Amino acid sequence: MTARPRRSDAARSPSAFRKITAHELWPEAVQIRREWLGHGLSTLPSDRDATERCIAGLYARISRRKPRFEWVDSPYKALPLIAGWPTLDHLHRLVRDHRPHGTPPLASDLALVAARLRGALSDGVAHADPEFTTVRRGKSRQPWPELSPLTAFEQGVPLGVVLHQGIRTALYRCLATGFRQPVRAALTGTEPMPVCWYGQQDAPWIAYYDALERLGLARYGTDDAAHLAEWALLARSSGWWWPGEQVCVVVERPAIVPTEPVPGALHEEVRLRSDGLEYRDGWRPRPQ
């Protein structure tokens, strides 16, 4: 479950990419981030046909047959259906085991393919990708600070760093720290939950690589672009999903998603309000 190593011959010359200033690119980047945040917080009914088609395509990429789909109206309703499925700790033990016994679970293969995709996308980025490379400043080799975008540009923070902070990190704070982590905690407390993917809340990394391509700062191979498009359509179409060998359990998007701004945020970050989130069956996560 590790990304493939970067190929030294895969880095593309910056001259091959769009020539435009950071100040000109940033407003476009903000619009792309807002677009993806809208998908991440969407309360529209899932596009079930698109969701099933995308997941079946991901299964095919790991040489698995199309599963039977079981749709539920909340993560809570999924719990009885996924009891006993592999957890993240289980997958980590498989990675550490130099002589694993039996066939790895489907979730392990899917995680590996997703990690390889992200490595391949990173190879197509024009600049040093902060997703996999710690970009540091000057002789001090200290990480670049997180500042407001205009201040960052004035102080010489590279555009690639600001884009990573302003899209990848900002959306992670909104949709992972601010949404899925509180829901998971309310769902299972301290108990490990079977490995799942988050559909619309998987947007942070998808949006980041989508934005780099749309801004003219990355070019991806044909198959990598198609693979990214599958994940992107899935994030625009549905909620959480648990992949099993025969059955894939998919959660409808929530019915009500109340948010509030994060105080002092630099990139329009939001978080769930402590009350009000509701799924289509009426389930409301209770804070732990």
Protein backbone atom coordinates (compact mmCIF):
# COMPACT_ATOMS: atom_id res chain seq x y z
CA MET A 1 0.00 0.00 0.00
CA THR A 2 2.78 2.44 -0.90
CA ALA A 3 3.01 4.68 -3.91
CA ARG A 4 5.43 3.66 -6.61
CA PRO A 5 8.74 5.52 -6.56
CA ARG A 6 8.96 8.66 -8.66
CA ARG A 7 10.69 8.21 -12.02
CA SER A 8 13.51 10.67 -12.53
CA ASP A 9 12.76 10.69 -16.25
CA ALA A 10 9.10 11.52 -15.68
CA ALA A 11 9.62 15.13 -14.54
CA ARG A 12 8.49 17.46 -17.26
CA SER A 13 10.20 20.68 -18.19
CA PRO A 14 8.37 23.71 -16.78
CA SER A 15 8.61 25.27 -20.24
CA ALA A 16 6.14 22.64 -21.45
CA PHE A 17 3.47 23.97 -19.13
CA ARG A 18 1.25 27.02 -19.03
CA LYS A 19 3.08 30.32 -18.61
CA ILE A 20 1.07 32.52 -16.25
CA THR A 21 1.72 34.29 -12.96
CA ALA A 22 0.68 32.99 -9.55
CA HIS A 23 -1.56 36.02 -9.01
CA GLU A 24 -3.40 35.26 -12.23
CA LEU A 25 -3.81 31.57 -11.45
CA TRP A 26 -4.97 31.87 -7.87
CA PRO A 27 -8.57 33.11 -8.50
CA GLU A 28 -9.10 30.16 -10.85
CA ALA A 29 -7.72 27.80 -8.21
CA VAL A 30 -10.15 29.22 -5.63
CA GLN A 31 -13.09 28.54 -7.94
CA ILE A 32 -11.96 24.95 -8.45
CA ARG A 33 -11.64 24.47 -4.68
CA ARG A 34 -15.12 25.89 -4.11
CA GLU A 35 -16.51 23.58 -6.78
CA TRP A 36 -15.04 20.53 -5.09
CA LEU A 37 -16.09 21.66 -1.62
CA GLY A 38 -19.63 21.83 -2.99
CA HIS A 39 -19.34 18.21 -4.12
CA GLY A 40 -17.90 17.21 -0.76
CA LEU A 41 -20.83 18.71 1.14
CA SER A 42 -23.57 17.92 -1.39
CA THR A 43 -26.96 16.74 -0.14
CA LEU A 44 -28.30 15.77 -3.55
CA PRO A 45 -29.41 12.15 -3.95
CA SER A 46 -26.59 9.94 -5.16
CA ASP A 47 -26.24 9.20 -8.84
CA ARG A 48 -26.48 5.46 -8.35
CA ASP A 49 -25.82 4.49 -11.95
CA ALA A 50 -22.61 6.56 -12.09
CA THR A 51 -21.52 5.32 -8.67
CA GLU A 52 -21.95 1.66 -9.53
CA ARG A 53 -20.28 2.11 -12.89
CA CYS A 54 -17.23 3.78 -11.31
CA ILE A 55 -16.87 1.22 -8.54
CA ALA A 56 -17.23 -1.63 -11.02
CA GLY A 57 -14.44 0.00 -13.05
CA LEU A 58 -12.21 0.15 -9.97
CA TYR A 59 -12.93 -3.51 -9.24
CA ALA A 60 -11.95 -4.33 -12.82
CA ARG A 61 -8.63 -2.55 -12.34
CA ILE A 62 -7.76 -5.08 -9.63
CA SER A 63 -9.11 -8.01 -11.65
CA ARG A 64 -12.30 -8.44 -9.62
CA ARG A 65 -15.79 -8.98 -10.91
CA LYS A 66 -18.47 -6.36 -10.56
CA PRO A 67 -19.93 -6.69 -7.04
CA ARG A 68 -23.53 -6.71 -5.95
CA PHE A 69 -24.42 -3.27 -4.59
CA GLU A 70 -26.18 -2.77 -1.29
CA TRP A 71 -27.37 0.81 -0.79
CA VAL A 72 -28.11 2.17 2.69
CA ASP A 73 -29.31 5.58 3.86
CA SER A 74 -26.67 6.19 6.55
CA PRO A 75 -23.30 4.87 7.74
CA TYR A 76 -25.10 3.53 10.80
CA LYS A 77 -27.22 1.25 8.61
CA ALA A 78 -24.04 -0.07 7.00
CA LEU A 79 -22.55 -1.42 10.25
CA PRO A 80 -24.38 -4.79 10.33
CA LEU A 81 -23.48 -5.39 6.68
CA ILE A 82 -19.74 -4.82 7.09
CA ALA A 83 -19.17 -6.55 10.43
CA GLY A 84 -15.93 -8.54 10.36
CA TRP A 85 -14.56 -6.90 7.21
CA PRO A 86 -10.84 -5.91 7.21
CA THR A 87 -9.82 -2.85 9.21
CA LEU A 88 -6.91 -0.53 8.53
CA ASP A 89 -4.92 -2.29 11.25
CA HIS A 90 -5.49 -5.57 9.41
CA LEU A 91 -4.14 -4.09 6.18
CA HIS A 92 -1.11 -2.64 7.97
CA ARG A 93 -0.31 -6.05 9.43
CA LEU A 94 -0.38 -7.51 5.93
CA VAL A 95 2.11 -4.90 4.76
CA ARG A 96 4.45 -5.69 7.67
CA ASP A 97 4.16 -9.44 7.15
CA HIS A 98 6.95 -10.44 4.78
CA ARG A 99 5.27 -13.81 4.19
CA PRO A 100 1.52 -13.11 4.12
CA HIS A 101 -0.74 -16.13 4.04
CA GLY A 102 -3.58 -16.38 1.55
CA THR A 103 -4.93 -13.84 -0.90
CA PRO A 104 -4.87 -10.20 0.26
CA PRO A 105 -8.34 -8.74 0.85
CA LEU A 106 -9.87 -6.71 -1.93
CA ALA A 107 -9.53 -3.48 0.10
CA SER A 108 -5.76 -4.00 0.23
CA ASP A 109 -5.50 -4.30 -3.55
CA LEU A 110 -7.74 -1.29 -4.04
CA ALA A 111 -5.64 0.81 -1.64
CA LEU A 112 -2.49 -0.19 -3.50
CA VAL A 113 -3.93 0.76 -6.89
CA ALA A 114 -5.10 4.13 -5.52
CA ALA A 115 -1.67 4.82 -4.02
CA ARG A 116 0.02 3.98 -7.30
CA LEU A 117 -2.32 6.33 -9.13
CA ARG A 118 -1.41 9.19 -6.85
CA GLY A 119 2.26 8.49 -7.41
CA ALA A 120 1.73 8.47 -11.17
CA LEU A 121 -0.21 11.74 -11.05
CA SER A 122 2.57 13.31 -9.00
CA ASP A 123 5.02 12.34 -11.75
CA GLY A 124 3.01 14.51 -14.14
CA VAL A 125 3.24 17.69 -12.05
CA ALA A 126 5.49 20.44 -13.45
CA HIS A 127 6.94 21.46 -10.07
CA ALA A 128 8.15 19.56 -7.01
CA ASP A 129 4.89 18.11 -5.69
CA PRO A 130 4.42 18.87 -1.96
CA GLU A 131 2.15 15.82 -1.75
CA PHE A 132 5.23 13.60 -1.87
CA THR A 133 8.16 16.01 -1.58
CA THR A 134 8.69 18.34 1.38
CA VAL A 135 9.38 21.69 -0.24
CA ARG A 136 11.62 23.84 1.98
CA ARG A 137 12.94 27.36 1.77
CA GLY A 138 16.45 28.71 1.52
CA LYS A 139 19.48 27.59 3.43
CA SER A 140 17.48 27.12 6.62
CA ARG A 141 15.61 24.24 4.97
CA GLN A 142 12.56 25.09 7.06
CA PRO A 143 9.10 24.27 5.67
CA TRP A 144 7.33 27.15 4.00
CA PRO A 145 4.84 28.90 6.32
CA GLU A 146 1.11 28.81 5.72
CA LEU A 147 0.07 32.38 4.98
CA SER A 148 -2.76 34.12 3.21
CA PRO A 149 -2.23 33.55 -0.54
CA LEU A 150 -1.32 37.13 -1.47
CA THR A 151 1.08 37.44 1.46
CA ALA A 152 2.59 34.07 0.55
CA PHE A 153 3.27 35.16 -3.01
CA GLU A 154 4.79 38.45 -1.82
CA GLN A 155 7.13 36.51 0.47
CA GLY A 156 8.22 34.17 -2.27
CA VAL A 157 6.32 31.02 -1.31
CA PRO A 158 6.22 28.84 -4.46
CA LEU A 159 2.90 28.60 -6.26
CA GLY A 160 2.94 24.80 -5.93
CA VAL A 161 3.16 25.08 -2.14
CA VAL A 162 0.30 27.59 -1.96
CA LEU A 163 -1.86 25.40 -4.20
CA HIS A 164 -1.21 22.37 -2.01
CA GLN A 165 -2.06 24.35 1.11
CA GLY A 166 -5.03 26.12 -0.45
CA ILE A 167 -6.64 23.12 -2.16
CA ARG A 168 -5.37 19.81 -0.80
CA THR A 169 -4.87 20.83 2.82
CA ALA A 170 -7.84 23.18 2.97
CA LEU A 171 -10.26 20.58 1.62
CA TYR A 172 -8.81 17.95 3.93
CA ARG A 173 -9.57 20.19 6.89
CA CYS A 174 -13.13 20.72 5.65
CA LEU A 175 -14.02 17.19 4.59
CA ALA A 176 -11.77 14.90 6.65
CA THR A 177 -11.00 16.71 9.89
CA GLY A 178 -14.21 18.72 9.69
CA PHE A 179 -16.66 16.04 8.51
CA ARG A 180 -15.76 12.40 8.20
CA GLN A 181 -13.63 12.11 11.35
CA PRO A 182 -16.41 13.40 13.65
CA VAL A 183 -18.93 11.13 11.93
CA ARG A 184 -16.64 8.10 12.28
CA ALA A 185 -16.09 8.88 15.96
CA ALA A 186 -19.83 9.12 16.56
CA LEU A 187 -20.37 5.92 14.59
CA THR A 188 -17.88 3.60 16.27
CA GLY A 189 -16.25 5.50 19.13
CA THR A 190 -12.77 4.08 19.66
CA GLU A 191 -13.49 0.80 17.89
CA PRO A 192 -11.77 0.27 14.53
CA MET A 193 -14.08 0.43 11.54
CA PRO A 194 -13.68 -1.67 8.39
CA VAL A 195 -11.75 0.03 5.61
CA CYS A 196 -13.93 2.27 3.51
CA TRP A 197 -13.67 5.04 0.97
CA TYR A 198 -15.59 8.24 1.42
CA GLY A 199 -17.02 9.11 -1.97
CA GLN A 200 -17.70 12.84 -1.87
CA GLN A 201 -15.34 13.33 1.10
CA ASP A 202 -12.46 11.80 -0.87
CA ALA A 203 -12.40 15.10 -2.78
CA PRO A 204 -9.20 16.62 -1.26
CA TRP A 205 -6.62 14.62 -3.22
CA ILE A 206 -8.85 14.31 -6.29
CA ALA A 207 -9.49 18.06 -6.39
CA TYR A 208 -5.79 18.79 -5.97
CA TYR A 209 -4.68 16.80 -9.01
CA ASP A 210 -7.72 17.89 -11.00
CA ALA A 211 -6.86 21.53 -10.27
CA LEU A 212 -3.22 21.16 -11.27
CA GLU A 213 -4.23 19.76 -14.63
CA ARG A 214 -6.92 22.38 -15.21
CA LEU A 215 -4.50 25.15 -14.27
CA GLY A 216 -1.99 23.89 -16.82
CA LEU A 217 0.51 22.77 -14.18
CA ALA A 218 0.31 19.01 -14.76
CA ARG A 219 -0.12 16.54 -17.60
CA TYR A 220 -1.12 12.95 -16.98
CA GLY A 221 -0.82 9.83 -19.06
CA THR A 222 -3.96 8.66 -20.83
CA ASP A 223 -4.70 5.76 -18.48
CA ASP A 224 -3.82 7.78 -15.37
CA ALA A 225 -6.17 10.56 -16.49
CA ALA A 226 -8.96 8.02 -17.09
CA HIS A 227 -8.32 6.45 -13.69
CA LEU A 228 -8.45 9.87 -12.00
CA ALA A 229 -11.70 10.59 -13.86
CA GLU A 230 -13.25 7.46 -12.31
CA TRP A 231 -12.41 8.64 -8.81
CA ALA A 232 -13.59 12.17 -9.64
CA LEU A 233 -16.95 11.01 -10.94
CA LEU A 234 -17.36 8.79 -7.90
CA ALA A 235 -16.67 11.75 -5.59
CA ARG A 236 -19.28 13.78 -7.48
CA SER A 237 -21.85 11.01 -7.30
CA SER A 238 -22.10 9.32 -3.89
CA GLY A 239 -21.26 9.02 -0.21
CA TRP A 240 -19.18 6.49 1.73
CA TRP A 241 -18.61 2.96 0.41
CA TRP A 242 -17.17 -0.30 1.74
CA PRO A 243 -15.75 -2.67 -0.90
CA GLY A 244 -16.25 -6.36 -0.20
CA GLU A 245 -15.34 -9.39 -2.26
CA GLN A 246 -18.90 -10.04 -3.38
CA VAL A 247 -20.86 -7.06 -2.08
CA CYS A 248 -20.12 -3.34 -2.05
CA VAL A 249 -22.04 -1.35 0.57
CA VAL A 250 -22.70 2.25 -0.48
CA VAL A 251 -24.17 5.06 1.61
CA GLU A 252 -26.52 7.68 0.21
CA ARG A 253 -25.37 11.26 0.61
CA PRO A 254 -26.68 12.98 3.74
CA ALA A 255 -29.90 14.96 3.71
CA ILE A 256 -28.75 17.93 5.79
CA VAL A 257 -25.16 19.19 6.15
CA PRO A 258 -24.94 22.30 8.33
CA THR A 259 -21.52 23.98 8.34
CA GLU A 260 -19.84 26.97 9.90
CA PRO A 261 -16.64 28.84 9.01
CA VAL A 262 -13.46 27.81 10.80
CA PRO A 263 -12.25 30.86 12.80
CA GLY A 264 -9.06 32.32 11.41
CA ALA A 265 -9.01 30.04 8.36
CA LEU A 266 -6.89 31.21 5.43
CA HIS A 267 -8.69 29.28 2.70
CA GLU A 268 -12.43 29.51 3.44
CA GLU A 269 -12.37 26.31 5.51
CA VAL A 270 -15.63 25.15 7.07
CA ARG A 271 -16.57 22.43 9.53
CA LEU A 272 -19.74 20.65 10.57
CA ARG A 273 -21.81 22.38 13.18
CA SER A 274 -22.15 20.35 16.35
CA ASP A 275 -25.83 19.73 15.63
CA GLY A 276 -27.96 19.28 12.59
CA LEU A 277 -26.18 16.75 10.35
CA GLU A 278 -28.79 14.26 9.27
CA TYR A 279 -28.84 11.29 6.92
CA ARG A 280 -31.74 10.22 4.79
CA ASP A 281 -33.02 7.67 7.31
CA GLY A 282 -33.01 10.29 10.07
CA TRP A 283 -29.76 9.12 11.70
CA ARG A 284 -27.86 11.95 13.37
CA PRO A 285 -24.30 11.41 14.58
CA ARG A 286 -24.01 12.26 18.26
CA PRO A 287 -20.73 13.85 19.37
CA GLN A 288 -18.58 11.56 21.53
